Amino acid sequence: MKSGTVSGLGWLVRLWRQISRLLSEPITRPRRVNEVELKGWREIPIGGLIIDAGNSVNYETGSWRSLRPVIDMERCSHCMICWIYCPDSSILVENEKVIGIDLAHCKGCGICERECPRKAVSMVEETLVEEGV
């Protein structure tokens, strides 16, 4: 056994020495944003290229929504406000009249319900509609 160390506790001595060394080093603070040289827009490399814009029609996203919009056609004035505000272009229109909802692409966000001035759109739980309630 070496003098000054306890058998089996060598790891503790090594740990203590490492901690002591770290604590003796000066602490450097991280650089602030205004101290960092930021690149201008001309110096940033090109990235984020949209190869096929407007392709959301290829992806069905309606299977995970929890609420489904239902249009009361008797209350609907075909003002097209729901069509304007729908972020997924899920409002079906024919001859300038709303004819329904494209449920394959509707995410159930409820914007159409909120924006409808005639309150012709209501959000219904998806499970209730599927069960026929």
Protein backbone atom coordinates (compact mmCIF):
# COMPACT_ATOMS: atom_id res chain seq x y z
CA MET A 1 0.00 0.00 0.00
CA LYS A 2 1.29 3.47 -0.91
CA SER A 3 1.68 5.94 1.87
CA GLY A 4 -0.97 8.61 1.99
CA THR A 5 -3.67 6.63 0.13
CA VAL A 6 -6.27 4.23 1.36
CA SER A 7 -6.49 0.93 -0.51
CA GLY A 8 -9.50 0.78 -2.84
CA LEU A 9 -10.16 4.51 -2.76
CA GLY A 10 -7.72 5.52 -5.49
CA TRP A 11 -10.63 6.55 -7.72
CA LEU A 12 -11.74 9.03 -5.07
CA VAL A 13 -8.28 10.58 -4.87
CA ARG A 14 -8.13 10.86 -8.68
CA LEU A 15 -11.60 12.44 -8.71
CA TRP A 16 -10.60 14.93 -6.04
CA ARG A 17 -7.48 15.93 -7.97
CA GLN A 18 -9.52 16.39 -11.15
CA ILE A 19 -12.12 18.52 -9.36
CA SER A 20 -9.38 20.60 -7.71
CA ARG A 21 -7.74 21.18 -11.10
CA LEU A 22 -11.05 22.24 -12.66
CA LEU A 23 -11.85 24.60 -9.81
CA SER A 24 -8.43 26.25 -10.02
CA GLU A 25 -8.92 27.15 -13.70
CA PRO A 26 -10.43 30.57 -14.40
CA ILE A 27 -14.12 30.47 -15.26
CA THR A 28 -14.85 31.90 -18.68
CA ARG A 29 -18.28 33.29 -19.33
CA PRO A 30 -20.04 32.52 -22.60
CA ARG A 31 -19.94 35.20 -25.26
CA ARG A 32 -23.02 37.31 -25.62
CA VAL A 33 -24.87 37.58 -28.91
CA ASN A 34 -23.74 41.14 -29.47
CA GLU A 35 -20.10 40.04 -29.02
CA VAL A 36 -20.34 37.38 -31.71
CA GLU A 37 -19.78 38.35 -35.31
CA LEU A 38 -23.05 37.63 -37.08
CA LYS A 39 -23.07 36.95 -40.79
CA GLY A 40 -25.13 39.09 -43.10
CA TRP A 41 -27.73 37.66 -45.44
CA ARG A 42 -25.26 37.68 -48.34
CA GLU A 43 -22.74 35.59 -46.40
CA ILE A 44 -25.13 32.86 -45.26
CA PRO A 45 -25.05 29.78 -47.51
CA ILE A 46 -28.15 28.91 -49.50
CA GLY A 47 -30.36 26.30 -47.88
CA GLY A 48 -33.97 25.27 -47.40
CA LEU A 49 -34.87 24.84 -51.03
CA ILE A 50 -38.54 24.18 -51.81
CA ILE A 51 -38.38 21.71 -54.66
CA ASP A 52 -42.08 20.94 -55.14
CA ALA A 53 -44.20 23.80 -53.81
CA GLY A 54 -47.92 23.34 -53.30
CA ASN A 55 -47.78 19.58 -52.90
CA SER A 56 -49.89 19.25 -49.74
CA VAL A 57 -52.66 17.72 -51.84
CA ASN A 58 -50.46 14.61 -52.06
CA TYR A 59 -50.49 14.10 -48.28
CA GLU A 60 -53.62 13.12 -46.39
CA THR A 61 -53.54 14.59 -42.89
CA GLY A 62 -57.13 14.29 -41.74
CA SER A 63 -56.78 10.94 -39.99
CA TRP A 64 -55.44 12.35 -36.71
CA ARG A 65 -57.84 15.21 -36.00
CA SER A 66 -60.12 15.02 -32.95
CA LEU A 67 -62.73 17.54 -34.14
CA ARG A 68 -64.46 17.59 -37.51
CA PRO A 69 -66.17 20.63 -39.08
CA VAL A 70 -69.79 20.13 -40.07
CA ILE A 71 -71.54 22.72 -42.24
CA ASP A 72 -75.23 23.50 -41.76
CA MET A 73 -76.09 24.24 -45.39
CA GLU A 74 -79.36 25.97 -44.41
CA ARG A 75 -77.42 28.59 -42.43
CA CYS A 76 -74.52 28.88 -44.90
CA SER A 77 -74.68 32.04 -47.04
CA HIS A 78 -71.75 30.92 -49.25
CA CYS A 79 -69.81 34.04 -48.31
CA MET A 80 -66.57 32.03 -48.74
CA ILE A 81 -64.98 33.39 -45.56
CA CYS A 82 -64.34 29.82 -44.36
CA TRP A 83 -62.65 29.10 -47.70
CA ILE A 84 -60.46 32.19 -47.38
CA TYR A 85 -59.29 31.40 -43.85
CA CYS A 86 -58.87 27.61 -44.11
CA PRO A 87 -55.09 26.98 -43.84
CA ASP A 88 -55.41 23.58 -45.54
CA SER A 89 -57.70 24.56 -48.44
CA SER A 90 -60.16 21.95 -47.19
CA ILE A 91 -63.35 23.86 -48.00
CA LEU A 92 -64.85 22.34 -51.13
CA VAL A 93 -66.36 24.88 -53.54
CA GLU A 94 -68.31 24.36 -56.73
CA ASN A 95 -69.87 27.14 -58.83
CA GLU A 96 -68.92 29.71 -56.17
CA LYS A 97 -70.83 27.80 -53.46
CA VAL A 98 -69.50 25.86 -50.48
CA ILE A 99 -70.41 22.20 -50.96
CA GLY A 100 -68.52 20.53 -48.11
CA ILE A 101 -65.23 19.77 -46.40
CA ASP A 102 -62.28 17.78 -47.78
CA LEU A 103 -61.88 15.56 -44.72
CA ALA A 104 -58.75 13.88 -46.10
CA HIS A 105 -56.85 17.15 -45.65
CA CYS A 106 -58.77 18.93 -42.86
CA LYS A 107 -56.78 18.98 -39.61
CA GLY A 108 -59.72 20.07 -37.47
CA CYS A 109 -58.22 23.38 -36.37
CA GLY A 110 -61.63 25.08 -36.09
CA ILE A 111 -60.70 28.30 -37.87
CA CYS A 112 -63.65 27.87 -40.24
CA GLU A 113 -66.03 27.66 -37.27
CA ARG A 114 -64.53 30.74 -35.62
CA GLU A 115 -64.60 32.85 -38.79
CA CYS A 116 -68.07 31.92 -40.08
CA PRO A 117 -70.29 35.01 -39.62
CA ARG A 118 -73.50 32.94 -39.84
CA LYS A 119 -72.26 30.25 -37.39
CA ALA A 120 -73.00 27.65 -40.06
CA VAL A 121 -69.89 25.63 -39.22
CA SER A 122 -69.67 23.65 -36.00
CA MET A 123 -66.88 21.42 -34.73
CA VAL A 124 -68.05 17.95 -33.72
CA GLU A 125 -66.03 15.26 -31.98
CA GLU A 126 -64.66 12.89 -34.59
CA THR A 127 -65.71 9.81 -32.61
CA LEU A 128 -69.33 10.96 -32.53
CA VAL A 129 -69.44 11.43 -36.30
CA GLU A 130 -67.81 8.07 -37.02
CA GLU A 131 -70.27 6.26 -34.78
CA GLY A 132 -73.17 7.96 -36.53
CA VAL A 133 -74.38 9.82 -33.43
